[in-house]
Amino acid sequence: MLKLNQKLVALLLLAILLAGCQGLVGRPSKEEAATPTPIPTPIVPEKPTYVVQRGEMIRKLEFTGRVAPVQKVELSFRTNGHVRVVWVKKGDPVKQGDILAELEMAELERSLAQAQLDLQTAQLSLAQAEQDHQYAIARARIDLAIRQLQLQKAPDLTPRKAQAEADLAQARLALQ
C-alpha cells in the first residue's frame, strides 16, 4: 500500500511539473508582446439642419406589415367543373358579391339551349291546342245553330199526336 501511495504522489508531482512547463512554452517574450487591437472610434452621425418657416406640418409614417383576415372563408362552386376564367389575382381586394371566377359551362349551356327549344316547342303545341279548341267551339256553335234551324223547320207534330191518341181511344172502345 505504501508503494501505491508513493507512485500516486510521484505521478501527481509529474503532472504539476508538466502543467507549469506548458505555460512557458506558449508564452511570448516581453519583446514579442501582443499589440492591443485599437478600438475604432465611433462615427458621429451628422445632425440634420432644418430651416424654420411657417407652413403646414405633415407627419408621415410608413410601415410594412402583413394583413391577415379576421374571418377566413373556404370558397367553392355549386356544381363541379373546370375553371374557365379567374377574375382576381392573389392580394387583390374583393368585397361581397364580386365575381371571383367562372366555370366552363359548355354542358350547362347545351342543356339550357335544349331546354329553351323544348319550351318553344311546348309553347307552339299550346298555341295549336288553343286554336284547335277554338275551332271545336266554333264548330259546335255552328252545329247547334243548324240543329235549332232544323227544329224550327220541322213539321208540327202536335196535331198528329192528338189524332193518334183519338184513334187509340176509339180502338179501345171498339175492343170492349
N, C-alpha and C. Protein backbone atom coordinates (compact mmCIF):
# COMPACT_ATOMS: atom_id res chain seq x y z
N MET A 1 0.83 -1.16 0.00
CA MET A 1 0.00 0.00 0.00
C MET A 1 0.89 1.24 0.00
N LEU A 2 1.99 1.18 0.65
CA LEU A 2 2.90 2.31 0.71
C LEU A 2 3.49 2.58 -0.67
N LYS A 3 3.79 1.57 -1.41
CA LYS A 3 4.31 1.75 -2.75
C LYS A 3 3.28 2.41 -3.65
N LEU A 4 2.03 2.07 -3.48
CA LEU A 4 0.95 2.64 -4.28
C LEU A 4 0.83 4.12 -3.98
N ASN A 5 0.92 4.52 -2.74
CA ASN A 5 0.83 5.93 -2.38
C ASN A 5 2.02 6.70 -2.96
N GLN A 6 3.19 6.11 -2.94
CA GLN A 6 4.38 6.78 -3.46
C GLN A 6 4.24 6.97 -4.97
N LYS A 7 3.70 5.98 -5.63
CA LYS A 7 3.52 6.09 -7.08
C LYS A 7 2.51 7.19 -7.41
N LEU A 8 1.45 7.29 -6.63
CA LEU A 8 0.44 8.31 -6.86
C LEU A 8 1.00 9.70 -6.64
N VAL A 9 1.82 9.85 -5.61
CA VAL A 9 2.42 11.16 -5.31
C VAL A 9 3.38 11.52 -6.42
N ALA A 10 4.14 10.56 -6.92
CA ALA A 10 5.10 10.83 -7.98
C ALA A 10 4.38 11.24 -9.25
N LEU A 11 3.31 10.58 -9.57
CA LEU A 11 2.52 10.93 -10.76
C LEU A 11 1.91 12.32 -10.62
N LEU A 12 1.46 12.66 -9.44
CA LEU A 12 0.86 13.95 -9.19
C LEU A 12 1.90 15.05 -9.35
N LEU A 13 3.10 14.86 -8.84
CA LEU A 13 4.16 15.85 -8.99
C LEU A 13 4.58 16.00 -10.45
N LEU A 14 4.64 14.93 -11.15
CA LEU A 14 4.99 14.97 -12.56
C LEU A 14 3.93 15.75 -13.35
N ALA A 15 2.66 15.54 -13.06
CA ALA A 15 1.58 16.25 -13.75
C ALA A 15 1.65 17.74 -13.47
N ILE A 16 1.96 18.13 -12.22
CA ILE A 16 2.06 19.55 -11.86
C ILE A 16 3.23 20.17 -12.59
N LEU A 17 4.36 19.48 -12.64
CA LEU A 17 5.55 19.99 -13.30
C LEU A 17 5.30 20.19 -14.79
N LEU A 18 4.64 19.24 -15.44
CA LEU A 18 4.34 19.37 -16.87
C LEU A 18 3.37 20.52 -17.12
N ALA A 19 2.40 20.70 -16.26
CA ALA A 19 1.44 21.79 -16.43
C ALA A 19 2.14 23.12 -16.30
N GLY A 20 3.07 23.26 -15.41
CA GLY A 20 3.81 24.51 -15.25
C GLY A 20 4.70 24.78 -16.45
N CYS A 21 5.31 23.76 -17.05
CA CYS A 21 6.19 23.94 -18.20
C CYS A 21 5.40 24.29 -19.45
N GLN A 22 4.24 23.79 -19.53
CA GLN A 22 3.42 24.04 -20.70
C GLN A 22 3.10 25.52 -20.82
N GLY A 23 2.88 26.22 -19.75
CA GLY A 23 2.60 27.65 -19.79
C GLY A 23 3.79 28.42 -20.30
N LEU A 24 5.04 27.95 -20.09
CA LEU A 24 6.22 28.67 -20.53
C LEU A 24 6.45 28.51 -22.02
N VAL A 25 6.05 27.40 -22.59
CA VAL A 25 6.33 27.12 -23.99
C VAL A 25 5.53 28.07 -24.88
N GLY A 26 4.21 28.31 -24.63
CA GLY A 26 3.37 29.11 -25.49
C GLY A 26 3.41 30.58 -25.16
N ARG A 27 4.10 31.02 -24.13
CA ARG A 27 4.09 32.41 -23.68
C ARG A 27 5.08 33.23 -24.49
N PRO A 28 4.66 34.40 -25.06
CA PRO A 28 5.60 35.22 -25.83
C PRO A 28 6.52 35.97 -24.87
N SER A 29 7.64 36.33 -25.38
CA SER A 29 8.59 37.08 -24.55
C SER A 29 8.13 38.52 -24.47
N LYS A 30 8.82 39.29 -23.63
CA LYS A 30 8.43 40.68 -23.44
C LYS A 30 8.62 41.44 -24.74
N GLU A 31 9.59 41.08 -25.54
CA GLU A 31 9.84 41.76 -26.79
C GLU A 31 8.74 41.45 -27.81
N GLU A 32 8.19 40.25 -27.74
CA GLU A 32 7.17 39.83 -28.69
C GLU A 32 5.77 40.02 -28.13
N ALA A 33 5.57 40.88 -27.21
CA ALA A 33 4.27 41.06 -26.58
C ALA A 33 3.25 41.48 -27.62
N ALA A 34 2.05 40.97 -27.52
CA ALA A 34 0.98 41.25 -28.48
C ALA A 34 0.57 42.69 -28.40
N THR A 35 0.31 43.26 -29.56
CA THR A 35 -0.15 44.65 -29.59
C THR A 35 -1.66 44.65 -29.42
N PRO A 36 -2.14 45.52 -28.61
CA PRO A 36 -3.59 45.53 -28.41
C PRO A 36 -4.29 46.02 -29.67
N THR A 37 -5.48 45.49 -29.93
CA THR A 37 -6.28 45.88 -31.09
C THR A 37 -6.90 47.23 -30.79
N PRO A 38 -6.69 48.19 -31.68
CA PRO A 38 -7.26 49.51 -31.39
C PRO A 38 -8.78 49.46 -31.56
N ILE A 39 -9.47 50.11 -30.70
CA ILE A 39 -10.92 50.20 -30.76
C ILE A 39 -11.25 51.33 -31.72
N PRO A 40 -12.01 51.04 -32.76
CA PRO A 40 -12.30 52.11 -33.72
C PRO A 40 -13.17 53.17 -33.07
N THR A 41 -12.91 54.39 -33.47
CA THR A 41 -13.71 55.47 -32.92
C THR A 41 -15.07 55.44 -33.59
N PRO A 42 -16.10 55.62 -32.83
CA PRO A 42 -17.44 55.57 -33.43
C PRO A 42 -17.65 56.74 -34.37
N ILE A 43 -18.42 56.47 -35.44
CA ILE A 43 -18.73 57.51 -36.41
C ILE A 43 -19.86 58.35 -35.84
N VAL A 44 -19.62 59.63 -35.77
CA VAL A 44 -20.62 60.53 -35.23
C VAL A 44 -21.52 60.94 -36.39
N PRO A 45 -22.81 60.58 -36.33
CA PRO A 45 -23.68 60.99 -37.44
C PRO A 45 -23.90 62.49 -37.41
N GLU A 46 -24.00 63.03 -38.59
CA GLU A 46 -24.23 64.47 -38.66
C GLU A 46 -25.67 64.74 -38.28
N LYS A 47 -25.85 65.77 -37.52
CA LYS A 47 -27.19 66.14 -37.13
C LYS A 47 -27.80 66.94 -38.27
N PRO A 48 -29.06 66.61 -38.62
CA PRO A 48 -29.67 67.33 -39.74
C PRO A 48 -29.93 68.79 -39.37
N THR A 49 -29.88 69.62 -40.36
CA THR A 49 -30.16 71.04 -40.18
C THR A 49 -31.47 71.34 -40.86
N TYR A 50 -32.35 72.03 -40.17
CA TYR A 50 -33.67 72.35 -40.70
C TYR A 50 -33.83 73.85 -40.82
N VAL A 51 -34.59 74.25 -41.82
CA VAL A 51 -34.92 75.66 -41.98
C VAL A 51 -36.29 75.84 -41.34
N VAL A 52 -36.39 76.76 -40.43
CA VAL A 52 -37.64 77.00 -39.72
C VAL A 52 -38.44 78.03 -40.51
N GLN A 53 -39.67 77.67 -40.83
CA GLN A 53 -40.55 78.59 -41.53
C GLN A 53 -41.99 78.23 -41.21
N ARG A 54 -42.90 79.12 -41.48
CA ARG A 54 -44.31 78.87 -41.22
C ARG A 54 -44.88 78.04 -42.38
N GLY A 55 -45.84 77.21 -42.05
CA GLY A 55 -46.47 76.40 -43.08
C GLY A 55 -47.16 75.19 -42.45
N GLU A 56 -47.69 74.34 -43.29
CA GLU A 56 -48.41 73.16 -42.82
C GLU A 56 -47.39 72.07 -42.53
N MET A 57 -47.53 71.48 -41.37
CA MET A 57 -46.60 70.44 -40.97
C MET A 57 -47.26 69.07 -41.20
N ILE A 58 -46.60 68.25 -41.93
CA ILE A 58 -47.13 66.92 -42.23
C ILE A 58 -46.20 65.89 -41.61
N ARG A 59 -46.79 65.00 -40.87
CA ARG A 59 -46.00 63.91 -40.28
C ARG A 59 -46.46 62.63 -40.95
N LYS A 60 -45.59 62.04 -41.68
CA LYS A 60 -45.93 60.86 -42.46
C LYS A 60 -45.19 59.67 -41.87
N LEU A 61 -45.96 58.61 -41.58
CA LEU A 61 -45.38 57.39 -41.06
C LEU A 61 -45.63 56.27 -42.06
N GLU A 62 -44.62 55.54 -42.39
CA GLU A 62 -44.76 54.40 -43.29
C GLU A 62 -44.35 53.15 -42.53
N PHE A 63 -45.18 52.13 -42.69
CA PHE A 63 -44.91 50.87 -42.03
C PHE A 63 -45.05 49.75 -43.05
N THR A 64 -44.37 48.68 -42.79
CA THR A 64 -44.59 47.47 -43.56
C THR A 64 -45.18 46.45 -42.60
N GLY A 65 -46.00 45.63 -43.12
CA GLY A 65 -46.64 44.63 -42.27
C GLY A 65 -47.38 43.61 -43.10
N ARG A 66 -48.03 42.73 -42.44
CA ARG A 66 -48.80 41.67 -43.08
C ARG A 66 -50.22 41.75 -42.56
N VAL A 67 -51.16 41.73 -43.47
CA VAL A 67 -52.57 41.80 -43.11
C VAL A 67 -53.12 40.38 -43.16
N ALA A 68 -53.80 40.00 -42.12
CA ALA A 68 -54.44 38.68 -42.07
C ALA A 68 -55.93 38.88 -41.86
N PRO A 69 -56.77 38.09 -42.52
CA PRO A 69 -58.22 38.28 -42.36
C PRO A 69 -58.69 37.85 -40.98
N VAL A 70 -59.72 38.52 -40.52
CA VAL A 70 -60.32 38.14 -39.24
C VAL A 70 -61.08 36.84 -39.42
N GLN A 71 -61.75 36.73 -40.56
CA GLN A 71 -62.55 35.54 -40.83
C GLN A 71 -62.09 34.96 -42.17
N LYS A 72 -61.73 33.71 -42.19
CA LYS A 72 -61.29 33.05 -43.41
C LYS A 72 -62.42 32.16 -43.88
N VAL A 73 -62.76 32.25 -45.17
CA VAL A 73 -63.89 31.51 -45.71
C VAL A 73 -63.39 30.64 -46.86
N GLU A 74 -63.80 29.38 -46.86
CA GLU A 74 -63.49 28.47 -47.95
C GLU A 74 -64.48 28.74 -49.07
N LEU A 75 -64.00 28.87 -50.29
CA LEU A 75 -64.86 29.15 -51.44
C LEU A 75 -65.05 27.89 -52.26
N SER A 76 -66.23 27.75 -52.85
CA SER A 76 -66.50 26.61 -53.72
C SER A 76 -67.62 26.96 -54.67
N PHE A 77 -67.76 26.17 -55.72
CA PHE A 77 -68.84 26.34 -56.67
C PHE A 77 -69.97 25.38 -56.31
N ARG A 78 -71.17 25.68 -56.78
CA ARG A 78 -72.32 24.81 -56.51
C ARG A 78 -72.30 23.57 -57.37
N THR A 79 -71.59 23.62 -58.50
CA THR A 79 -71.51 22.47 -59.39
C THR A 79 -70.05 22.15 -59.66
N ASN A 80 -69.80 20.93 -60.08
CA ASN A 80 -68.45 20.51 -60.40
C ASN A 80 -68.09 20.99 -61.80
N GLY A 81 -66.81 21.13 -62.06
CA GLY A 81 -66.37 21.53 -63.38
C GLY A 81 -64.97 22.11 -63.35
N HIS A 82 -64.54 22.59 -64.52
CA HIS A 82 -63.22 23.21 -64.66
C HIS A 82 -63.38 24.72 -64.68
N VAL A 83 -62.38 25.42 -64.13
CA VAL A 83 -62.41 26.88 -64.07
C VAL A 83 -62.06 27.43 -65.46
N ARG A 84 -62.91 28.31 -65.98
CA ARG A 84 -62.69 28.94 -67.29
C ARG A 84 -61.87 30.21 -67.13
N VAL A 85 -62.27 31.10 -66.20
CA VAL A 85 -61.61 32.40 -66.02
C VAL A 85 -61.52 32.72 -64.54
N VAL A 86 -60.37 33.24 -64.12
CA VAL A 86 -60.22 33.75 -62.75
C VAL A 86 -60.10 35.27 -62.88
N TRP A 87 -61.00 35.99 -62.23
CA TRP A 87 -61.08 37.43 -62.39
C TRP A 87 -60.20 38.21 -61.42
N VAL A 88 -59.71 37.59 -60.36
CA VAL A 88 -58.89 38.31 -59.38
C VAL A 88 -57.55 37.59 -59.23
N LYS A 89 -56.57 38.36 -58.76
CA LYS A 89 -55.25 37.80 -58.51
C LYS A 89 -55.01 37.78 -57.01
N LYS A 90 -54.00 37.05 -56.59
CA LYS A 90 -53.66 36.96 -55.18
C LYS A 90 -53.32 38.36 -54.68
N GLY A 91 -53.96 38.74 -53.60
CA GLY A 91 -53.70 40.04 -53.00
C GLY A 91 -54.66 41.13 -53.44
N ASP A 92 -55.49 40.87 -54.48
CA ASP A 92 -56.45 41.88 -54.93
C ASP A 92 -57.54 42.06 -53.88
N PRO A 93 -57.98 43.29 -53.64
CA PRO A 93 -59.08 43.48 -52.68
C PRO A 93 -60.40 43.05 -53.33
N VAL A 94 -61.23 42.37 -52.56
CA VAL A 94 -62.55 41.94 -53.03
C VAL A 94 -63.57 42.28 -51.97
N LYS A 95 -64.82 42.39 -52.41
CA LYS A 95 -65.90 42.63 -51.46
C LYS A 95 -67.02 41.65 -51.77
N GLN A 96 -67.97 41.58 -50.89
CA GLN A 96 -69.06 40.62 -51.03
C GLN A 96 -69.82 40.91 -52.32
N GLY A 97 -70.08 39.86 -53.07
CA GLY A 97 -70.81 39.99 -54.31
C GLY A 97 -69.93 40.05 -55.54
N ASP A 98 -68.61 40.24 -55.38
CA ASP A 98 -67.71 40.28 -56.53
C ASP A 98 -67.59 38.89 -57.14
N ILE A 99 -67.50 38.83 -58.47
CA ILE A 99 -67.30 37.56 -59.16
C ILE A 99 -65.80 37.27 -59.15
N LEU A 100 -65.43 36.13 -58.59
CA LEU A 100 -64.02 35.78 -58.48
C LEU A 100 -63.55 34.90 -59.63
N ALA A 101 -64.41 33.98 -60.07
CA ALA A 101 -64.03 33.05 -61.13
C ALA A 101 -65.29 32.53 -61.81
N GLU A 102 -65.10 31.96 -63.01
CA GLU A 102 -66.20 31.36 -63.76
C GLU A 102 -65.81 29.94 -64.13
N LEU A 103 -66.81 29.07 -64.14
CA LEU A 103 -66.59 27.69 -64.56
C LEU A 103 -66.85 27.55 -66.05
N GLU A 104 -66.24 26.54 -66.66
CA GLU A 104 -66.60 26.17 -68.02
C GLU A 104 -67.99 25.56 -67.96
N MET A 105 -68.88 26.10 -68.74
CA MET A 105 -70.26 25.66 -68.63
C MET A 105 -70.80 25.19 -69.98
N ALA A 106 -69.97 24.58 -70.81
CA ALA A 106 -70.41 24.13 -72.12
C ALA A 106 -71.59 23.16 -72.00
N GLU A 107 -71.50 22.22 -71.09
CA GLU A 107 -72.59 21.24 -70.89
C GLU A 107 -73.84 21.93 -70.40
N LEU A 108 -73.69 22.86 -69.46
CA LEU A 108 -74.85 23.58 -68.95
C LEU A 108 -75.46 24.47 -70.02
N GLU A 109 -74.61 25.09 -70.85
CA GLU A 109 -75.12 25.93 -71.93
C GLU A 109 -75.89 25.09 -72.95
N ARG A 110 -75.38 23.89 -73.24
CA ARG A 110 -76.12 22.99 -74.15
C ARG A 110 -77.45 22.59 -73.53
N SER A 111 -77.44 22.30 -72.24
CA SER A 111 -78.69 21.93 -71.55
C SER A 111 -79.67 23.10 -71.57
N LEU A 112 -79.18 24.31 -71.38
CA LEU A 112 -80.03 25.50 -71.41
C LEU A 112 -80.63 25.69 -72.80
N ALA A 113 -79.81 25.54 -73.85
CA ALA A 113 -80.31 25.69 -75.22
C ALA A 113 -81.38 24.64 -75.51
N GLN A 114 -81.15 23.40 -75.06
CA GLN A 114 -82.13 22.32 -75.27
C GLN A 114 -83.42 22.63 -74.53
N ALA A 115 -83.30 23.14 -73.30
CA ALA A 115 -84.49 23.49 -72.52
C ALA A 115 -85.25 24.63 -73.18
N GLN A 116 -84.53 25.60 -73.77
CA GLN A 116 -85.21 26.69 -74.47
C GLN A 116 -85.94 26.18 -75.70
N LEU A 117 -85.32 25.24 -76.45
CA LEU A 117 -86.00 24.63 -77.60
C LEU A 117 -87.24 23.87 -77.16
N ASP A 118 -87.12 23.12 -76.06
CA ASP A 118 -88.27 22.37 -75.54
C ASP A 118 -89.39 23.33 -75.14
N LEU A 119 -89.03 24.47 -74.55
CA LEU A 119 -90.02 25.47 -74.17
C LEU A 119 -90.74 26.03 -75.40
N GLN A 120 -89.96 26.36 -76.44
CA GLN A 120 -90.58 26.87 -77.66
C GLN A 120 -91.52 25.84 -78.28
N THR A 121 -91.11 24.58 -78.28
CA THR A 121 -91.96 23.50 -78.82
C THR A 121 -93.25 23.39 -78.02
N ALA A 122 -93.13 23.44 -76.70
CA ALA A 122 -94.31 23.35 -75.84
C ALA A 122 -95.23 24.55 -76.06
N GLN A 123 -94.66 25.74 -76.24
CA GLN A 123 -95.49 26.93 -76.48
C GLN A 123 -96.22 26.82 -77.81
N LEU A 124 -95.54 26.31 -78.85
CA LEU A 124 -96.19 26.11 -80.14
C LEU A 124 -97.30 25.08 -80.03
N SER A 125 -97.05 24.00 -79.28
CA SER A 125 -98.08 22.97 -79.09
C SER A 125 -99.28 23.54 -78.35
N LEU A 126 -99.03 24.37 -77.36
CA LEU A 126 -100.12 25.01 -76.62
C LEU A 126 -100.93 25.92 -77.53
N ALA A 127 -100.24 26.71 -78.35
CA ALA A 127 -100.94 27.61 -79.28
C ALA A 127 -101.80 26.80 -80.25
N GLN A 128 -101.26 25.69 -80.76
CA GLN A 128 -102.01 24.83 -81.69
C GLN A 128 -103.22 24.22 -80.98
N ALA A 129 -103.04 23.77 -79.74
CA ALA A 129 -104.16 23.19 -79.00
C ALA A 129 -105.23 24.24 -78.74
N GLU A 130 -104.83 25.48 -78.44
CA GLU A 130 -105.82 26.54 -78.22
C GLU A 130 -106.58 26.84 -79.51
N GLN A 131 -105.88 26.83 -80.66
CA GLN A 131 -106.55 27.05 -81.95
C GLN A 131 -107.54 25.92 -82.22
N ASP A 132 -107.10 24.68 -81.98
CA ASP A 132 -107.99 23.53 -82.19
C ASP A 132 -109.21 23.62 -81.30
N HIS A 133 -109.02 24.05 -80.06
CA HIS A 133 -110.13 24.19 -79.11
C HIS A 133 -111.11 25.27 -79.59
N GLN A 134 -110.58 26.40 -80.03
CA GLN A 134 -111.43 27.48 -80.54
C GLN A 134 -112.20 27.01 -81.78
N TYR A 135 -111.53 26.25 -82.64
CA TYR A 135 -112.20 25.71 -83.83
C TYR A 135 -113.32 24.78 -83.42
N ALA A 136 -113.07 23.90 -82.44
CA ALA A 136 -114.09 22.94 -82.00
C ALA A 136 -115.28 23.68 -81.39
N ILE A 137 -115.02 24.75 -80.64
CA ILE A 137 -116.12 25.53 -80.05
C ILE A 137 -116.93 26.20 -81.16
N ALA A 138 -116.24 26.80 -82.13
CA ALA A 138 -116.94 27.45 -83.23
C ALA A 138 -117.76 26.43 -84.02
N ARG A 139 -117.20 25.27 -84.26
CA ARG A 139 -117.90 24.20 -84.99
C ARG A 139 -119.13 23.75 -84.22
N ALA A 140 -119.00 23.61 -82.89
CA ALA A 140 -120.14 23.18 -82.07
C ALA A 140 -121.24 24.24 -82.08
N ARG A 141 -120.87 25.51 -82.09
CA ARG A 141 -121.88 26.58 -82.14
C ARG A 141 -122.62 26.57 -83.48
N ILE A 142 -121.85 26.36 -84.53
CA ILE A 142 -122.49 26.29 -85.86
C ILE A 142 -123.44 25.10 -85.93
N ASP A 143 -123.01 23.92 -85.43
CA ASP A 143 -123.87 22.73 -85.42
C ASP A 143 -125.13 22.97 -84.60
N LEU A 144 -125.00 23.68 -83.48
CA LEU A 144 -126.15 23.99 -82.63
C LEU A 144 -127.13 24.89 -83.38
N ALA A 145 -126.58 25.88 -84.07
CA ALA A 145 -127.46 26.79 -84.83
C ALA A 145 -128.18 26.03 -85.94
N ILE A 146 -127.47 25.13 -86.62
CA ILE A 146 -128.10 24.32 -87.68
C ILE A 146 -129.21 23.46 -87.11
N ARG A 147 -128.96 22.80 -85.99
CA ARG A 147 -129.98 21.93 -85.37
C ARG A 147 -131.20 22.75 -84.92
N GLN A 148 -130.93 23.95 -84.40
CA GLN A 148 -132.06 24.79 -83.97
C GLN A 148 -132.91 25.20 -85.18
N LEU A 149 -132.22 25.52 -86.30
CA LEU A 149 -132.96 25.86 -87.51
C LEU A 149 -133.75 24.67 -88.03
N GLN A 150 -133.15 23.49 -87.99
CA GLN A 150 -133.86 22.29 -88.45
C GLN A 150 -135.06 22.00 -87.56
N LEU A 151 -134.90 22.27 -86.28
CA LEU A 151 -136.00 22.04 -85.34
C LEU A 151 -137.14 23.02 -85.62
N GLN A 152 -136.77 24.25 -85.95
CA GLN A 152 -137.82 25.24 -86.25
C GLN A 152 -138.53 24.90 -87.55
N LYS A 153 -137.86 24.33 -88.54
CA LYS A 153 -138.47 23.97 -89.82
C LYS A 153 -139.21 22.65 -89.76
N ALA A 154 -139.02 21.85 -88.78
CA ALA A 154 -139.66 20.55 -88.68
C ALA A 154 -141.18 20.74 -88.58
N PRO A 155 -141.97 19.81 -89.19
CA PRO A 155 -143.43 19.97 -89.11
C PRO A 155 -143.90 19.83 -87.68
N ASP A 156 -144.96 20.51 -87.45
CA ASP A 156 -145.51 20.49 -86.10
C ASP A 156 -146.17 19.15 -85.88
N LEU A 157 -145.73 18.40 -84.94
CA LEU A 157 -146.22 17.05 -84.68
C LEU A 157 -147.38 17.03 -83.68
N THR A 158 -147.72 18.13 -83.15
CA THR A 158 -148.77 18.15 -82.13
C THR A 158 -150.13 17.70 -82.67
N PRO A 159 -150.64 18.15 -83.85
CA PRO A 159 -151.95 17.67 -84.32
C PRO A 159 -151.93 16.18 -84.65
N ARG A 160 -150.88 15.68 -85.18
CA ARG A 160 -150.80 14.25 -85.48
C ARG A 160 -150.86 13.43 -84.22
N LYS A 161 -150.21 13.95 -83.19
CA LYS A 161 -150.21 13.22 -81.92
C LYS A 161 -151.62 13.16 -81.37
N ALA A 162 -152.32 14.26 -81.45
CA ALA A 162 -153.69 14.29 -80.94
C ALA A 162 -154.57 13.33 -81.73
N GLN A 163 -154.38 13.26 -83.04
CA GLN A 163 -155.16 12.34 -83.89
C GLN A 163 -154.85 10.91 -83.53
N ALA A 164 -153.57 10.62 -83.27
CA ALA A 164 -153.17 9.26 -82.93
C ALA A 164 -153.78 8.86 -81.60
N GLU A 165 -153.84 9.77 -80.66
CA GLU A 165 -154.42 9.46 -79.35
C GLU A 165 -155.94 9.22 -79.49
N ALA A 166 -156.58 9.97 -80.35
CA ALA A 166 -158.04 9.79 -80.56
C ALA A 166 -158.30 8.44 -81.21
N ASP A 167 -157.48 8.07 -82.21
CA ASP A 167 -157.63 6.78 -82.86
C ASP A 167 -157.41 5.65 -81.87
N LEU A 168 -156.46 5.81 -80.97
CA LEU A 168 -156.18 4.79 -79.95
C LEU A 168 -157.37 4.65 -79.02
N ALA A 169 -158.01 5.76 -78.66
CA ALA A 169 -159.17 5.71 -77.75
C ALA A 169 -160.34 5.00 -78.44
N GLN A 170 -160.54 5.24 -79.73
CA GLN A 170 -161.62 4.59 -80.45
C GLN A 170 -161.36 3.09 -80.56
N ALA A 171 -160.15 2.74 -80.79
CA ALA A 171 -159.81 1.32 -80.91
C ALA A 171 -160.08 0.59 -79.61
N ARG A 172 -159.81 1.23 -78.50
CA ARG A 172 -160.05 0.60 -77.20
C ARG A 172 -161.57 0.39 -76.98
N LEU A 173 -162.34 1.43 -77.37
CA LEU A 173 -163.79 1.31 -77.20
C LEU A 173 -164.33 0.18 -78.08
N ALA A 174 -163.78 0.10 -79.26
CA ALA A 174 -164.26 -0.94 -80.17
C ALA A 174 -163.87 -2.31 -79.64
N LEU A 175 -162.79 -2.39 -79.02
CA LEU A 175 -162.34 -3.67 -78.45
C LEU A 175 -163.21 -4.09 -77.30
N GLN A 176 -163.75 -3.19 -76.57
CA GLN A 176 -164.57 -3.53 -75.41
C GLN A 176 -165.91 -4.02 -75.91
